[in-house]
C-alpha atoms as a PDB file:
ATOM      1  CA  MET A   1     -14.433  14.064   3.514  1.00  0.00           C
ATOM      2  CA  ASP A   2     -17.696  12.497   3.448  1.00  0.00           C
ATOM      3  CA  ALA A   3     -17.336  10.349   6.251  1.00  0.00           C
ATOM      4  CA  TYR A   4     -18.790   7.143   4.255  1.00  0.00           C
ATOM      5  CA  ARG A   5     -16.237   7.391   1.448  1.00  0.00           C
ATOM      6  CA  ARG A   6     -14.097   3.869   1.012  1.00  0.00           C
ATOM      7  CA  ARG A   7     -10.470   5.214   1.432  1.00  0.00           C
ATOM      8  CA  HIS A   8      -8.924   2.124  -0.018  1.00  0.00           C
ATOM      9  CA  LYS A   9     -10.068   0.556  -2.951  1.00  0.00           C
ATOM     10  CA  THR A  10      -9.695  -3.145  -4.134  1.00  0.00           C
ATOM     11  CA  PRO A  11      -6.901  -3.413  -6.371  1.00  0.00           C
ATOM     12  CA  ALA A  12      -7.354  -4.212 -10.096  1.00  0.00           C
ATOM     13  CA  GLN A  13      -6.873  -7.918 -11.006  1.00  0.00           C
ATOM     14  CA  ARG A  14      -3.784  -6.843 -13.286  1.00  0.00           C
ATOM     15  CA  GLY A  15      -2.651  -5.064  -9.956  1.00  0.00           C
ATOM     16  CA  VAL A  16      -2.973  -8.501  -8.202  1.00  0.00           C
ATOM     17  CA  GLU A  17      -1.350 -10.435 -11.284  1.00  0.00           C
ATOM     18  CA  ALA A  18       1.857  -8.002 -11.023  1.00  0.00           C
ATOM     19  CA  CYS A  19       2.023  -8.924  -7.619  1.00  0.00           C
ATOM     20  CA  ALA A  20       1.897 -12.543  -7.650  1.00  0.00           C
ATOM     21  CA  CYS A  21       5.667 -13.420  -8.027  1.00  0.00           C
ATOM     22  CA  TRP A  22       6.132 -11.641  -4.516  1.00  0.00           C
ATOM     23  CA  LEU A  23       3.139 -13.348  -3.135  1.00  0.00           C
ATOM     24  CA  GLU A  24       4.287 -17.037  -4.420  1.00  0.00           C
ATOM     25  CA  GLY A  25       8.254 -16.307  -3.592  1.00  0.00           C
ATOM     26  CA  GLU A  26       7.268 -15.557  -0.006  1.00  0.00           C
ATOM     27  CA  LEU A  27       5.341 -18.344   0.272  1.00  0.00           C
ATOM     28  CA  ALA A  28       8.192 -20.763  -1.263  1.00  0.00           C
ATOM     29  CA  GLN A  29      10.459 -19.156   1.252  1.00  0.00           C
ATOM     30  CA  ILE A  30       8.190 -20.088   4.358  1.00  0.00           C
ATOM     31  CA  TRP A  31       6.423 -22.975   2.769  1.00  0.00           C
ATOM     32  CA  PRO A  32       3.123 -22.575   5.016  1.00  0.00           C
ATOM     33  CA  LYS A  33       0.699 -25.959   5.396  1.00  0.00           C
ATOM     34  CA  ILE A  34      -1.995 -23.752   5.624  1.00  0.00           C
ATOM     35  CA  VAL A  35      -2.961 -19.908   4.546  1.00  0.00           C
ATOM     36  CA  ALA A  36      -5.931 -18.033   5.738  1.00  0.00           C
ATOM     37  CA  ALA A  37      -7.445 -15.953   3.013  1.00  0.00           C
ATOM     38  CA  LEU A  38      -8.459 -12.525   4.848  1.00  0.00           C
ATOM     39  CA  GLY A  39     -10.765 -11.803   2.020  1.00  0.00           C
ATOM     40  CA  ALA A  40     -11.756 -12.140  -1.749  1.00  0.00           C
ATOM     41  CA  THR A  41      -8.551 -10.407  -3.108  1.00  0.00           C
ATOM     42  CA  ALA A  42      -6.503 -12.753  -1.100  1.00  0.00           C
ATOM     43  CA  LEU A  43      -8.508 -15.840  -1.972  1.00  0.00           C
ATOM     44  CA  ARG A  44      -8.080 -14.974  -5.633  1.00  0.00           C
ATOM     45  CA  ALA A  45      -4.610 -14.496  -5.531  1.00  0.00           C
ATOM     46  CA  LEU A  46      -3.872 -17.642  -3.477  1.00  0.00           C
ATOM     47  CA  LEU A  47      -5.994 -19.685  -5.584  1.00  0.00           C
ATOM     48  CA  HIS A  48      -5.043 -18.088  -8.819  1.00  0.00           C
ATOM     49  CA  GLU A  49      -8.904 -17.689  -9.795  1.00  0.00           C
ATOM     50  CA  PRO A  50      -9.744 -14.293 -10.351  1.00  0.00           C
ATOM     51  CA  LYS A  51     -13.445 -15.369  -9.992  1.00  0.00           C
ATOM     52  CA  ALA A  52     -13.571 -17.001  -6.777  1.00  0.00           C
ATOM     53  CA  ARG A  53     -16.512 -16.347  -4.744  1.00  0.00           C
ATOM     54  CA  LEU A  54     -15.424 -15.702  -0.798  1.00  0.00           C
ATOM     55  CA  LYS A  55     -18.648 -16.839   0.187  1.00  0.00           C
ATOM     56  CA  GLU A  56     -18.795 -19.884  -1.429  1.00  0.00           C
ATOM     57  CA  TYR A  57     -15.154 -20.904   0.204  1.00  0.00           C
ATOM     58  CA  MET A  58     -16.207 -19.803   3.324  1.00  0.00           C
ATOM     59  CA  GLU A  59     -19.075 -22.234   3.175  1.00  0.00           C
ATOM     60  CA  GLN A  60     -16.670 -25.139   2.745  1.00  0.00           C
ATOM     61  CA  LYS A  61     -16.414 -27.504   5.604  1.00  0.00           C
ATOM     62  CA  GLN A  62     -13.033 -28.245   3.942  1.00  0.00           C
ATOM     63  CA  ALA A  63      -9.776 -25.980   3.518  1.00  0.00           C
ATOM     64  CA  ALA A  64      -9.365 -25.447  -0.227  1.00  0.00           C
ATOM     65  CA  HIS A  65      -5.944 -27.164  -1.738  1.00  0.00           C
ATOM     66  CA  VAL A  66      -3.871 -25.416  -4.008  1.00  0.00           C
ATOM     67  CA  ALA A  67       0.017 -26.755  -5.013  1.00  0.00           C
ATOM     68  CA  GLY A  68       0.084 -28.246  -1.491  1.00  0.00           C
ATOM     69  CA  LEU A  69      -1.509 -25.243   0.556  1.00  0.00           C
ATOM     70  CA  MET A  70      -4.407 -25.536   2.684  1.00  0.00           C
ATOM     71  CA  VAL A  71      -6.753 -22.223   2.081  1.00  0.00           C
ATOM     72  CA  VAL A  72      -8.925 -21.018   4.622  1.00  0.00           C
ATOM     73  CA  ALA A  73     -11.393 -18.137   3.365  1.00  0.00           C
ATOM     74  CA  THR A  74     -13.405 -15.624   5.369  1.00  0.00           C
ATOM     75  CA  TRP A  75     -13.660 -12.000   5.805  1.00  0.00           C
ATOM     76  CA  HIS A  76     -11.363  -9.211   5.607  1.00  0.00           C
ATOM     77  CA  PRO A  77     -11.335  -7.606   8.732  1.00  0.00           C
ATOM     78  CA  SER A  78     -11.996  -4.204   7.193  1.00  0.00           C
ATOM     79  CA  TYR A  79     -15.381  -5.770   5.769  1.00  0.00           C
ATOM     80  CA  VAL A  80     -15.688  -6.489   9.562  1.00  0.00           C
ATOM     81  CA  LEU A  81     -15.396  -2.841  10.517  1.00  0.00           C
ATOM     82  CA  ARG A  82     -17.641  -1.077   8.173  1.00  0.00           C
ATOM     83  CA  ALA A  83     -20.355  -3.706   8.090  1.00  0.00           C
ATOM     84  CA  PRO A  84     -23.838  -1.980   8.182  1.00  0.00           C
ATOM     85  CA  SER A  85     -24.974  -2.780  11.121  1.00  0.00           C
ATOM     86  CA  ALA A  86     -24.012  -3.925  14.884  1.00  0.00           C
ATOM     87  CA  GLY A  87     -25.306  -6.950  14.039  1.00  0.00           C
ATOM     88  CA  ALA A  88     -23.828  -7.602  10.824  1.00  0.00           C
ATOM     89  CA  ARG A  89     -20.694  -6.874  12.327  1.00  0.00           C
ATOM     90  CA  GLU A  90     -21.416  -9.159  15.106  1.00  0.00           C
ATOM     91  CA  ARG A  91     -22.052 -11.683  12.387  1.00  0.00           C
ATOM     92  CA  ALA A  92     -19.170 -10.968  10.406  1.00  0.00           C
ATOM     93  CA  CYS A  93     -16.881 -10.662  13.045  1.00  0.00           C
ATOM     94  CA  ALA A  94     -17.941 -14.292  14.698  1.00  0.00           C
ATOM     95  CA  GLN A  95     -17.509 -16.110  11.308  1.00  0.00           C
ATOM     96  CA  MET A  96     -13.729 -14.727  10.818  1.00  0.00           C
ATOM     97  CA  VAL A  97     -12.658 -15.973  14.237  1.00  0.00           C
ATOM     98  CA  ALA A  98     -14.267 -19.231  13.440  1.00  0.00           C
ATOM     99  CA  ALA A  99     -12.315 -19.553  10.042  1.00  0.00           C
ATOM    100  CA  LEU A 100      -9.506 -18.410  11.978  1.00  0.00           C
ATOM    101  CA  ARG A 101      -9.728 -20.980  14.742  1.00  0.00           C
ATOM    102  CA  ARG A 102     -10.373 -23.300  11.777  1.00  0.00           C
ATOM    103  CA  ALA A 103      -7.128 -22.500  10.303  1.00  0.00           C
ATOM    104  CA  HIS A 104      -5.465 -22.779  13.723  1.00  0.00           C
ATOM    105  CA  ALA A 105      -7.024 -26.251  14.614  1.00  0.00           C
ATOM    106  CA  LEU A 106      -5.818 -27.066  11.007  1.00  0.00           C
ATOM    107  CA  ALA A 107      -2.120 -25.842  11.555  1.00  0.00           C
ATOM    108  CA  GLY A 108      -1.869 -28.549  14.228  1.00  0.00           C
ATOM    109  CA  GLU A 109      -3.010 -31.554  12.375  1.00  0.00           C
ATOM    110  CA  CYS A 110      -0.504 -30.750   9.977  1.00  0.00           C
END
């Protein structure tokens, strides 16, 4: 097996849409004030925006809002692990940690 071959694929939009009712049901049960979207697929599912661009939401100073829910976007952990260089991994990890800290701080303000 090729060492660089991805074992998992990004789900197709129709797969995300097929699972939307499960996500919405879980959110309705726990009704969190804030959610950290780990990766573009999670962000798109939470915002119901198939074309949402992760980097744009990561650069925002404020959390996105949808249906009374605050959404903080960051890299998916698998991206951090497979970034092409040590420097890129360090930057991605620092960005992910900063976003999670921001989500934690926002949760404390709720």
